Amino acid sequence: MIKRDFLSLLDFSSDELKYVIERAKALRQQHERGEVYQPLVGKTGALILTMSSTRTRVAFEAGFSQMGASVIFLSPGDTQIGRGEPLEDLARVLSEMVDIIMIRTPDQADIETLAHYATVPVINAMSSLLHPCQLLADIQAFEEHRGSIEGKTVTFLGDGYNMCHSYINAAKQWNFDLRFSCPDSHQPDADILASGKNVERVLDPREAVEGAHLVVTDVWSSMGHEGEEGDRRAIFEPYQVNESLLDLADPSALFMHCLPAHRGEEVSETLLDDPRSVVFHEAGNRLHSQKALVEFLLLGRHA
């Protein structure tokens, strides 16, 4: 097989992404039936996390175990990564020992450097620019509840950061309409926005939500924004998603958040428990969508 990486949703064709989602749905159903499926016996992954992680780490570690593979967690504090080993060297060394690498680190350029020098697939497990693995789980969750997302209207509210960027990419790949509403001081990256398709900025959050089939938000202060919480809270307060705002969306609308959420900030205290919220199903899909992604990168399409 030709080595492939997953650093952005744009690294796959639309058809390949749809295939991965269908496999993720099948793997979830298989898991719920209690069936054992271990196509990766003898394979090993390296999981590099230079930032905190719950869902990503658990989903990759549990997923590898369920598929019969092993995964090695590498943190900067107890490896040479924390002592400044060049990524070029790390990529070459790991490629001699493991079959696939997952990395979460702030700088997208570092992930791209690792992928360039690695001879095994590399997965972006989140950077400050993009969070493509989360979008796989989100699209899977929407389609499991409402069918195809193609042609639907999705609204993103809040910070024009990595989740917003990945939704811009997703709108192009899955052909849905994306409205985003972000403060002037926290707009999405200009280059990512310019390369988007079916994307519209709407100034008023209420107008942005009107008639939407999916409403999404993220924390107002992501990793790397420590110390800015107070200022950001004042800026983002008009963008809080609450029950009354969600009432403006389509009657069939769903609400998603990549978690962890700050109840009382970007979401009201009770919104995650609203019947329209599918955040916990969405989070659970991280396991199945990442299993499907790893399977695709290592084995190709499932027969």
C-alpha atoms as a PDB file:
ATOM      1  CA  MET A   1       0.000   0.000   0.000  1.00  0.00           C
ATOM      2  CA  ILE A   2       1.029   3.581  -0.654  1.00  0.00           C
ATOM      3  CA  LYS A   3       1.620   5.461   2.583  1.00  0.00           C
ATOM      4  CA  ARG A   4      -1.193   7.911   3.364  1.00  0.00           C
ATOM      5  CA  ASP A   5      -1.494  10.526   6.119  1.00  0.00           C
ATOM      6  CA  PHE A   6      -4.547  12.146   7.719  1.00  0.00           C
ATOM      7  CA  LEU A   7      -3.475  15.640   8.714  1.00  0.00           C
ATOM      8  CA  SER A   8      -6.586  17.380   7.401  1.00  0.00           C
ATOM      9  CA  LEU A   9      -9.973  16.383   6.043  1.00  0.00           C
ATOM     10  CA  LEU A  10      -8.671  17.606   2.695  1.00  0.00           C
ATOM     11  CA  ASP A  11      -6.093  14.782   2.620  1.00  0.00           C
ATOM     12  CA  PHE A  12      -8.885  12.365   1.697  1.00  0.00           C
ATOM     13  CA  SER A  13     -11.320  12.568  -1.170  1.00  0.00           C
ATOM     14  CA  SER A  14     -14.985  13.092  -0.389  1.00  0.00           C
ATOM     15  CA  ASP A  15     -15.632   9.487  -1.385  1.00  0.00           C
ATOM     16  CA  GLU A  16     -12.908   8.207   0.977  1.00  0.00           C
ATOM     17  CA  LEU A  17     -14.314  10.216   3.877  1.00  0.00           C
ATOM     18  CA  LYS A  18     -17.794   8.849   3.244  1.00  0.00           C
ATOM     19  CA  TYR A  19     -16.342   5.342   3.176  1.00  0.00           C
ATOM     20  CA  VAL A  20     -14.618   5.865   6.546  1.00  0.00           C
ATOM     21  CA  ILE A  21     -17.894   7.118   8.056  1.00  0.00           C
ATOM     22  CA  GLU A  22     -19.790   4.075   6.774  1.00  0.00           C
ATOM     23  CA  ARG A  23     -17.128   1.796   8.247  1.00  0.00           C
ATOM     24  CA  ALA A  24     -17.338   3.688  11.546  1.00  0.00           C
ATOM     25  CA  LYS A  25     -21.098   3.111  11.645  1.00  0.00           C
ATOM     26  CA  ALA A  26     -20.569  -0.598  10.996  1.00  0.00           C
ATOM     27  CA  LEU A  27     -17.844  -0.834  13.641  1.00  0.00           C
ATOM     28  CA  ARG A  28     -20.102   0.852  16.198  1.00  0.00           C
ATOM     29  CA  GLN A  29     -22.883  -1.640  15.476  1.00  0.00           C
ATOM     30  CA  GLN A  30     -20.405  -4.512  15.678  1.00  0.00           C
ATOM     31  CA  HIS A  31     -19.119  -3.217  19.026  1.00  0.00           C
ATOM     32  CA  GLU A  32     -22.662  -2.883  20.405  1.00  0.00           C
ATOM     33  CA  ARG A  33     -23.349  -6.492  19.429  1.00  0.00           C
ATOM     34  CA  GLY A  34     -20.280  -7.549  21.396  1.00  0.00           C
ATOM     35  CA  GLU A  35     -18.531  -9.021  18.374  1.00  0.00           C
ATOM     36  CA  VAL A  36     -14.744  -9.326  18.456  1.00  0.00           C
ATOM     37  CA  TYR A  37     -12.985  -7.899  15.397  1.00  0.00           C
ATOM     38  CA  GLN A  38      -9.193  -7.948  15.436  1.00  0.00           C
ATOM     39  CA  PRO A  39      -7.735  -7.225  11.990  1.00  0.00           C
ATOM     40  CA  LEU A  40      -4.625  -5.510  13.378  1.00  0.00           C
ATOM     41  CA  VAL A  41      -3.026  -8.300  15.415  1.00  0.00           C
ATOM     42  CA  GLY A  42       0.732  -7.719  15.372  1.00  0.00           C
ATOM     43  CA  LYS A  43       0.447  -4.008  14.559  1.00  0.00           C
ATOM     44  CA  THR A  44       1.711  -1.242  16.857  1.00  0.00           C
ATOM     45  CA  GLY A  45       0.881   2.457  17.009  1.00  0.00           C
ATOM     46  CA  ALA A  46       2.679   5.361  18.652  1.00  0.00           C
ATOM     47  CA  LEU A  47       0.498   7.985  20.322  1.00  0.00           C
ATOM     48  CA  ILE A  48       2.324  11.303  20.864  1.00  0.00           C
ATOM     49  CA  LEU A  49       0.427  13.804  22.996  1.00  0.00           C
ATOM     50  CA  THR A  50       2.120  17.070  23.892  1.00  0.00           C
ATOM     51  CA  MET A  51      -1.207  18.511  25.119  1.00  0.00           C
ATOM     52  CA  SER A  52      -3.827  17.142  27.491  1.00  0.00           C
ATOM     53  CA  SER A  53      -6.255  14.597  26.102  1.00  0.00           C
ATOM     54  CA  THR A  54      -9.136  12.462  27.309  1.00  0.00           C
ATOM     55  CA  ARG A  55     -11.354  11.423  24.382  1.00  0.00           C
ATOM     56  CA  THR A  56      -8.538  11.228  21.828  1.00  0.00           C
ATOM     57  CA  ARG A  57      -6.241   9.184  24.038  1.00  0.00           C
ATOM     58  CA  VAL A  58      -8.905   6.795  25.317  1.00  0.00           C
ATOM     59  CA  ALA A  59     -10.403   6.313  21.848  1.00  0.00           C
ATOM     60  CA  PHE A  60      -7.058   5.482  20.241  1.00  0.00           C
ATOM     61  CA  GLU A  61      -5.841   3.258  23.091  1.00  0.00           C
ATOM     62  CA  ALA A  62      -9.146   1.394  23.426  1.00  0.00           C
ATOM     63  CA  GLY A  63      -9.548   1.173  19.656  1.00  0.00           C
ATOM     64  CA  PHE A  64      -6.117  -0.357  19.102  1.00  0.00           C
ATOM     65  CA  SER A  65      -6.733  -2.869  21.878  1.00  0.00           C
ATOM     66  CA  GLN A  66     -10.119  -3.858  20.470  1.00  0.00           C
ATOM     67  CA  MET A  67      -8.618  -4.364  17.006  1.00  0.00           C
ATOM     68  CA  GLY A  68      -5.880  -6.601  18.391  1.00  0.00           C
ATOM     69  CA  ALA A  69      -3.050  -4.087  18.119  1.00  0.00           C
ATOM     70  CA  SER A  70      -0.799  -2.400  20.660  1.00  0.00           C
ATOM     71  CA  VAL A  71      -0.317   1.320  21.200  1.00  0.00           C
ATOM     72  CA  ILE A  72       2.565   3.079  22.953  1.00  0.00           C
ATOM     73  CA  PHE A  73       1.794   6.400  24.637  1.00  0.00           C
ATOM     74  CA  LEU A  74       4.656   8.882  24.344  1.00  0.00           C
ATOM     75  CA  SER A  75       4.585  12.020  26.486  1.00  0.00           C
ATOM     76  CA  PRO A  76       7.216  14.779  26.341  1.00  0.00           C
ATOM     77  CA  GLY A  77       7.935  14.408  30.047  1.00  0.00           C
ATOM     78  CA  ASP A  78       9.348  10.888  29.893  1.00  0.00           C
ATOM     79  CA  THR A  79      10.772  10.622  26.372  1.00  0.00           C
ATOM     80  CA  GLN A  80      13.443  12.363  24.327  1.00  0.00           C
ATOM     81  CA  ILE A  81      10.667  14.411  22.699  1.00  0.00           C
ATOM     82  CA  GLY A  82      10.738  16.676  25.734  1.00  0.00           C
ATOM     83  CA  ARG A  83      14.493  17.129  25.406  1.00  0.00           C
ATOM     84  CA  GLY A  84      14.312  18.518  21.910  1.00  0.00           C
ATOM     85  CA  GLU A  85      14.891  15.514  19.652  1.00  0.00           C
ATOM     86  CA  PRO A  86      14.311  16.813  16.100  1.00  0.00           C
ATOM     87  CA  LEU A  87      11.018  15.704  14.595  1.00  0.00           C
ATOM     88  CA  GLU A  88      12.852  14.584  11.467  1.00  0.00           C
ATOM     89  CA  ASP A  89      14.866  12.092  13.549  1.00  0.00           C
ATOM     90  CA  LEU A  90      11.893  11.027  15.648  1.00  0.00           C
ATOM     91  CA  ALA A  91       9.876  10.283  12.513  1.00  0.00           C
ATOM     92  CA  ARG A  92      12.606   8.065  11.084  1.00  0.00           C
ATOM     93  CA  VAL A  93      13.128   6.178  14.358  1.00  0.00           C
ATOM     94  CA  LEU A  94       9.437   5.544  15.008  1.00  0.00           C
ATOM     95  CA  SER A  95       8.964   4.404  11.400  1.00  0.00           C
ATOM     96  CA  GLU A  96      11.442   1.596  12.122  1.00  0.00           C
ATOM     97  CA  MET A  97       9.428   0.398  15.113  1.00  0.00           C
ATOM     98  CA  VAL A  98       5.709   1.108  14.721  1.00  0.00           C
ATOM     99  CA  ASP A  99       3.098   0.862  11.982  1.00  0.00           C
ATOM    100  CA  ILE A 100       1.287   4.190  12.466  1.00  0.00           C
ATOM    101  CA  ILE A 101       1.757   7.433  14.433  1.00  0.00           C
ATOM    102  CA  MET A 102      -0.891   9.662  16.022  1.00  0.00           C
ATOM    103  CA  ILE A 103       0.234  13.085  17.226  1.00  0.00           C
ATOM    104  CA  ARG A 104      -1.424  15.953  19.111  1.00  0.00           C
ATOM    105  CA  THR A 105       0.689  19.096  19.271  1.00  0.00           C
ATOM    106  CA  PRO A 106      -0.109  22.810  18.860  1.00  0.00           C
ATOM    107  CA  ASP A 107       1.839  23.531  15.680  1.00  0.00           C
ATOM    108  CA  GLN A 108       0.340  22.073  12.506  1.00  0.00           C
ATOM    109  CA  ALA A 109       3.725  22.552  10.814  1.00  0.00           C
ATOM    110  CA  ASP A 110       5.298  20.145  13.320  1.00  0.00           C
ATOM    111  CA  ILE A 111       2.735  17.496  12.415  1.00  0.00           C
ATOM    112  CA  GLU A 112       3.433  18.048   8.725  1.00  0.00           C
ATOM    113  CA  THR A 113       7.192  17.745   9.327  1.00  0.00           C
ATOM    114  CA  LEU A 114       6.716  14.468  11.190  1.00  0.00           C
ATOM    115  CA  ALA A 115       4.526  13.137   8.389  1.00  0.00           C
ATOM    116  CA  HIS A 116       7.016  14.215   5.719  1.00  0.00           C
ATOM    117  CA  TYR A 117       9.849  12.218   7.266  1.00  0.00           C
ATOM    118  CA  ALA A 118       7.835   9.250   8.520  1.00  0.00           C
ATOM    119  CA  THR A 119       7.471   6.241   6.248  1.00  0.00           C
ATOM    120  CA  VAL A 120       4.340   5.082   8.126  1.00  0.00           C
ATOM    121  CA  PRO A 121       0.959   6.846   8.210  1.00  0.00           C
ATOM    122  CA  VAL A 122       0.592   9.869  10.490  1.00  0.00           C
ATOM    123  CA  ILE A 123      -2.723  11.048  11.974  1.00  0.00           C
ATOM    124  CA  ASN A 124      -3.354  14.581  13.214  1.00  0.00           C
ATOM    125  CA  ALA A 125      -4.863  13.977  16.653  1.00  0.00           C
ATOM    126  CA  MET A 126      -5.399  17.755  16.966  1.00  0.00           C
ATOM    127  CA  SER A 127      -3.409  20.917  16.425  1.00  0.00           C
ATOM    128  CA  SER A 128      -4.280  24.544  17.070  1.00  0.00           C
ATOM    129  CA  LEU A 129      -5.213  24.767  13.389  1.00  0.00           C
ATOM    130  CA  LEU A 130      -7.267  21.621  12.759  1.00  0.00           C
ATOM    131  CA  HIS A 131      -9.111  18.806  14.524  1.00  0.00           C
ATOM    132  CA  PRO A 132     -10.057  16.416  11.683  1.00  0.00           C
ATOM    133  CA  CYS A 133     -10.632  13.322  13.851  1.00  0.00           C
ATOM    134  CA  GLN A 134     -13.400  15.135  15.713  1.00  0.00           C
ATOM    135  CA  LEU A 135     -15.215  15.887  12.465  1.00  0.00           C
ATOM    136  CA  LEU A 136     -15.335  12.199  11.594  1.00  0.00           C
ATOM    137  CA  ALA A 137     -17.155  11.547  14.873  1.00  0.00           C
ATOM    138  CA  ASP A 138     -19.470  14.526  14.348  1.00  0.00           C
ATOM    139  CA  ILE A 139     -20.516  13.580  10.825  1.00  0.00           C
ATOM    140  CA  GLN A 140     -21.038   9.993  11.912  1.00  0.00           C
ATOM    141  CA  ALA A 141     -23.253  11.133  14.800  1.00  0.00           C
ATOM    142  CA  PHE A 142     -25.359  13.398  12.596  1.00  0.00           C
ATOM    143  CA  GLU A 143     -25.905  10.702   9.982  1.00  0.00           C
ATOM    144  CA  GLU A 144     -26.764   8.072  12.594  1.00  0.00           C
ATOM    145  CA  HIS A 145     -29.511  10.356  13.917  1.00  0.00           C
ATOM    146  CA  ARG A 146     -30.689  12.271  10.842  1.00  0.00           C
ATOM    147  CA  GLY A 147     -29.327  10.622   7.689  1.00  0.00           C
ATOM    148  CA  SER A 148     -27.072  12.253   5.106  1.00  0.00           C
ATOM    149  CA  ILE A 149     -25.675  15.678   6.019  1.00  0.00           C
ATOM    150  CA  GLU A 150     -25.347  16.662   2.352  1.00  0.00           C
ATOM    151  CA  GLY A 151     -27.400  19.760   1.613  1.00  0.00           C
ATOM    152  CA  LYS A 152     -28.138  20.443   5.285  1.00  0.00           C
ATOM    153  CA  THR A 153     -27.383  23.709   7.103  1.00  0.00           C
ATOM    154  CA  VAL A 154     -24.804  23.653   9.899  1.00  0.00           C
ATOM    155  CA  THR A 155     -24.105  26.578  12.224  1.00  0.00           C
ATOM    156  CA  PHE A 156     -20.872  27.045  14.167  1.00  0.00           C
ATOM    157  CA  LEU A 157     -20.836  29.621  16.965  1.00  0.00           C
ATOM    158  CA  GLY A 158     -17.860  30.917  18.935  1.00  0.00           C
ATOM    159  CA  ASP A 159     -14.132  30.915  18.327  1.00  0.00           C
ATOM    160  CA  GLY A 160     -12.849  30.724  14.740  1.00  0.00           C
ATOM    161  CA  TYR A 161     -10.245  28.188  15.869  1.00  0.00           C
ATOM    162  CA  ASN A 162      -9.438  24.563  15.041  1.00  0.00           C
ATOM    163  CA  MET A 163     -12.995  23.227  15.232  1.00  0.00           C
ATOM    164  CA  CYS A 164     -14.336  26.055  13.078  1.00  0.00           C
ATOM    165  CA  HIS A 165     -11.525  25.436  10.566  1.00  0.00           C
ATOM    166  CA  SER A 166     -12.342  21.742  10.357  1.00  0.00           C
ATOM    167  CA  TYR A 167     -16.034  22.523   9.835  1.00  0.00           C
ATOM    168  CA  ILE A 168     -15.043  24.810   6.951  1.00  0.00           C
ATOM    169  CA  ASN A 169     -13.150  21.893   5.405  1.00  0.00           C
ATOM    170  CA  ALA A 170     -16.032  19.527   6.125  1.00  0.00           C
ATOM    171  CA  ALA A 171     -18.563  21.754   4.346  1.00  0.00           C
ATOM    172  CA  LYS A 172     -16.551  21.313   1.154  1.00  0.00           C
ATOM    173  CA  GLN A 173     -16.045  17.560   1.589  1.00  0.00           C
ATOM    174  CA  TRP A 174     -19.620  16.638   2.569  1.00  0.00           C
ATOM    175  CA  ASN A 175     -21.348  19.388   0.576  1.00  0.00           C
ATOM    176  CA  PHE A 176     -23.361  21.002   3.362  1.00  0.00           C
ATOM    177  CA  ASP A 177     -23.936  24.705   3.973  1.00  0.00           C
ATOM    178  CA  LEU A 178     -21.966  26.193   6.862  1.00  0.00           C
ATOM    179  CA  ARG A 179     -22.814  29.414   8.639  1.00  0.00           C
ATOM    180  CA  PHE A 180     -20.326  30.642  11.215  1.00  0.00           C
ATOM    181  CA  SER A 181     -20.759  33.448  13.704  1.00  0.00           C
ATOM    182  CA  CYS A 182     -17.583  34.541  15.477  1.00  0.00           C
ATOM    183  CA  PRO A 183     -16.476  37.825  17.077  1.00  0.00           C
ATOM    184  CA  ASP A 184     -14.476  40.180  14.845  1.00  0.00           C
ATOM    185  CA  SER A 185     -11.366  39.517  16.942  1.00  0.00           C
ATOM    186  CA  HIS A 186     -11.631  35.733  16.619  1.00  0.00           C
ATOM    187  CA  GLN A 187     -12.333  35.047  12.953  1.00  0.00           C
ATOM    188  CA  PRO A 188     -11.166  31.846  11.235  1.00  0.00           C
ATOM    189  CA  ASP A 189      -7.870  31.663   9.370  1.00  0.00           C
ATOM    190  CA  ALA A 190      -8.137  33.689   6.156  1.00  0.00           C
ATOM    191  CA  ASP A 191      -6.476  31.049   3.965  1.00  0.00           C
ATOM    192  CA  ILE A 192      -8.702  28.232   5.233  1.00  0.00           C
ATOM    193  CA  LEU A 193     -11.764  30.404   4.760  1.00  0.00           C
ATOM    194  CA  ALA A 194     -10.706  31.394   1.237  1.00  0.00           C
ATOM    195  CA  SER A 195     -10.332  27.734   0.256  1.00  0.00           C
ATOM    196  CA  GLY A 196     -13.756  26.841   1.644  1.00  0.00           C
ATOM    197  CA  LYS A 197     -16.976  26.127  -0.172  1.00  0.00           C
ATOM    198  CA  ASN A 198     -20.612  26.625   0.913  1.00  0.00           C
ATOM    199  CA  VAL A 199     -19.432  28.835   3.813  1.00  0.00           C
ATOM    200  CA  GLU A 200     -21.043  32.084   4.991  1.00  0.00           C
ATOM    201  CA  ARG A 201     -20.285  34.430   7.867  1.00  0.00           C
ATOM    202  CA  VAL A 202     -23.405  35.628   9.712  1.00  0.00           C
ATOM    203  CA  LEU A 203     -22.890  38.460  12.191  1.00  0.00           C
ATOM    204  CA  ASP A 204     -25.893  37.827  14.440  1.00  0.00           C
ATOM    205  CA  PRO A 205     -25.728  34.452  16.265  1.00  0.00           C
ATOM    206  CA  ARG A 206     -29.528  34.257  16.350  1.00  0.00           C
ATOM    207  CA  GLU A 207     -29.747  34.760  12.609  1.00  0.00           C
ATOM    208  CA  ALA A 208     -26.998  32.192  12.093  1.00  0.00           C
ATOM    209  CA  VAL A 209     -28.956  29.536  13.989  1.00  0.00           C
ATOM    210  CA  GLU A 210     -32.304  30.149  12.269  1.00  0.00           C
ATOM    211  CA  GLY A 211     -33.435  26.992  10.490  1.00  0.00           C
ATOM    212  CA  ALA A 212     -30.118  25.160  11.018  1.00  0.00           C
ATOM    213  CA  HIS A 213     -30.125  21.356  11.121  1.00  0.00           C
ATOM    214  CA  LEU A 214     -26.987  21.154  13.282  1.00  0.00           C
ATOM    215  CA  VAL A 215     -25.653  23.701  15.786  1.00  0.00           C
ATOM    216  CA  VAL A 216     -22.076  23.348  17.001  1.00  0.00           C
ATOM    217  CA  THR A 217     -19.883  25.228  19.438  1.00  0.00           C
ATOM    218  CA  ASP A 218     -16.589  24.809  21.287  1.00  0.00           C
ATOM    219  CA  VAL A 219     -14.981  26.205  24.424  1.00  0.00           C
ATOM    220  CA  TRP A 220     -14.164  29.899  24.424  1.00  0.00           C
ATOM    221  CA  SER A 221     -10.649  29.305  25.789  1.00  0.00           C
ATOM    222  CA  SER A 222      -8.920  26.337  24.190  1.00  0.00           C
ATOM    223  CA  MET A 223      -5.563  24.845  25.158  1.00  0.00           C
ATOM    224  CA  GLY A 224      -2.948  27.520  24.585  1.00  0.00           C
ATOM    225  CA  HIS A 225      -5.279  30.323  25.686  1.00  0.00           C
ATOM    226  CA  GLU A 226      -4.495  30.027  29.393  1.00  0.00           C
ATOM    227  CA  GLY A 227      -4.738  33.371  31.170  1.00  0.00           C
ATOM    228  CA  GLU A 228      -7.163  34.814  28.611  1.00  0.00           C
ATOM    229  CA  GLU A 229     -10.332  33.341  30.107  1.00  0.00           C
ATOM    230  CA  GLY A 230     -11.713  36.565  31.602  1.00  0.00           C
ATOM    231  CA  ASP A 231     -11.282  38.649  28.468  1.00  0.00           C
ATOM    232  CA  ARG A 232     -12.635  35.902  26.263  1.00  0.00           C
ATOM    233  CA  ARG A 233     -15.727  35.396  28.411  1.00  0.00           C
ATOM    234  CA  ALA A 234     -16.734  39.022  27.891  1.00  0.00           C
ATOM    235  CA  ILE A 235     -16.135  38.822  24.124  1.00  0.00           C
ATOM    236  CA  PHE A 236     -17.943  35.528  23.564  1.00  0.00           C
ATOM    237  CA  GLU A 237     -20.914  35.909  25.906  1.00  0.00           C
ATOM    238  CA  PRO A 238     -23.342  36.786  23.055  1.00  0.00           C
ATOM    239  CA  TYR A 239     -22.422  33.477  21.373  1.00  0.00           C
ATOM    240  CA  GLN A 240     -23.553  31.157  24.184  1.00  0.00           C
ATOM    241  CA  VAL A 241     -25.744  28.313  22.944  1.00  0.00           C
ATOM    242  CA  ASN A 242     -28.765  27.828  25.187  1.00  0.00           C
ATOM    243  CA  GLU A 243     -32.206  26.309  24.845  1.00  0.00           C
ATOM    244  CA  SER A 244     -33.887  29.495  23.623  1.00  0.00           C
ATOM    245  CA  LEU A 245     -31.245  30.017  20.947  1.00  0.00           C
ATOM    246  CA  LEU A 246     -31.543  26.397  19.828  1.00  0.00           C
ATOM    247  CA  ASP A 247     -35.319  26.880  19.554  1.00  0.00           C
ATOM    248  CA  LEU A 248     -34.617  29.096  16.510  1.00  0.00           C
ATOM    249  CA  ALA A 249     -33.079  26.159  14.637  1.00  0.00           C
ATOM    250  CA  ASP A 250     -34.991  23.606  12.569  1.00  0.00           C
ATOM    251  CA  PRO A 251     -37.341  21.469  14.723  1.00  0.00           C
ATOM    252  CA  SER A 252     -35.177  18.437  13.924  1.00  0.00           C
ATOM    253  CA  ALA A 253     -31.919  20.217  14.816  1.00  0.00           C
ATOM    254  CA  LEU A 254     -29.147  18.529  16.787  1.00  0.00           C
ATOM    255  CA  PHE A 255     -26.578  20.154  19.055  1.00  0.00           C
ATOM    256  CA  MET A 256     -22.916  19.071  19.215  1.00  0.00           C
ATOM    257  CA  HIS A 257     -19.814  20.032  21.196  1.00  0.00           C
ATOM    258  CA  CYS A 258     -16.453  18.288  21.008  1.00  0.00           C
ATOM    259  CA  LEU A 259     -16.094  18.388  24.843  1.00  0.00           C
ATOM    260  CA  PRO A 260     -14.985  19.072  27.470  1.00  0.00           C
ATOM    261  CA  ALA A 261     -17.660  21.755  27.851  1.00  0.00           C
ATOM    262  CA  HIS A 262     -17.760  24.622  30.312  1.00  0.00           C
ATOM    263  CA  ARG A 263     -21.389  24.628  31.446  1.00  0.00           C
ATOM    264  CA  GLY A 264     -22.586  28.159  31.996  1.00  0.00           C
ATOM    265  CA  GLU A 265     -20.130  29.580  29.444  1.00  0.00           C
ATOM    266  CA  GLU A 266     -20.311  28.516  25.781  1.00  0.00           C
ATOM    267  CA  VAL A 267     -23.345  26.384  26.678  1.00  0.00           C
ATOM    268  CA  SER A 268     -26.060  26.924  29.248  1.00  0.00           C
ATOM    269  CA  GLU A 269     -25.932  24.819  32.405  1.00  0.00           C
ATOM    270  CA  THR A 270     -28.517  22.353  31.108  1.00  0.00           C
ATOM    271  CA  LEU A 271     -28.068  22.274  27.328  1.00  0.00           C
ATOM    272  CA  LEU A 272     -25.927  19.135  27.252  1.00  0.00           C
ATOM    273  CA  ASP A 273     -28.861  17.287  28.819  1.00  0.00           C
ATOM    274  CA  ASP A 274     -31.399  18.630  26.328  1.00  0.00           C
ATOM    275  CA  PRO A 275     -32.987  15.941  24.077  1.00  0.00           C
ATOM    276  CA  ARG A 276     -31.557  17.762  21.056  1.00  0.00           C
ATOM    277  CA  SER A 277     -28.006  17.332  22.363  1.00  0.00           C
ATOM    278  CA  VAL A 278     -26.097  14.296  21.096  1.00  0.00           C
ATOM    279  CA  VAL A 279     -22.733  15.249  22.605  1.00  0.00           C
ATOM    280  CA  PHE A 280     -22.188  11.974  24.451  1.00  0.00           C
ATOM    281  CA  HIS A 281     -23.061   9.828  21.448  1.00  0.00           C
ATOM    282  CA  GLU A 282     -20.798  12.139  19.431  1.00  0.00           C
ATOM    283  CA  ALA A 283     -17.971  11.606  21.958  1.00  0.00           C
ATOM    284  CA  GLY A 284     -18.480   7.845  21.856  1.00  0.00           C
ATOM    285  CA  ASN A 285     -18.068   7.931  18.105  1.00  0.00           C
ATOM    286  CA  ARG A 286     -14.456   9.001  18.542  1.00  0.00           C
ATOM    287  CA  LEU A 287     -13.740   5.326  19.288  1.00  0.00           C
ATOM    288  CA  HIS A 288     -15.436   3.965  16.198  1.00  0.00           C
ATOM    289  CA  SER A 289     -14.459   6.651  13.678  1.00  0.00           C
ATOM    290  CA  GLN A 290     -10.814   6.467  14.719  1.00  0.00           C
ATOM    291  CA  LYS A 291     -10.872   2.679  14.442  1.00  0.00           C
ATOM    292  CA  ALA A 292     -12.267   3.053  10.923  1.00  0.00           C
ATOM    293  CA  LEU A 293      -9.598   5.626  10.087  1.00  0.00           C
ATOM    294  CA  VAL A 294      -6.739   3.447  11.334  1.00  0.00           C
ATOM    295  CA  GLU A 295      -8.150   0.425   9.516  1.00  0.00           C
ATOM    296  CA  PHE A 296      -8.331   2.416   6.281  1.00  0.00           C
ATOM    297  CA  LEU A 297      -4.778   3.753   6.585  1.00  0.00           C
ATOM    298  CA  LEU A 298      -3.265   0.370   7.423  1.00  0.00           C
ATOM    299  CA  LEU A 299      -5.429  -2.066   5.466  1.00  0.00           C
ATOM    300  CA  GLY A 300      -7.233  -0.019   2.830  1.00  0.00           C
ATOM    301  CA  ARG A 301     -10.896  -0.497   2.088  1.00  0.00           C
ATOM    302  CA  HIS A 302     -12.590  -3.352   3.921  1.00  0.00           C
ATOM    303  CA  ALA A 303     -13.760  -6.045   1.550  1.00  0.00           C
END
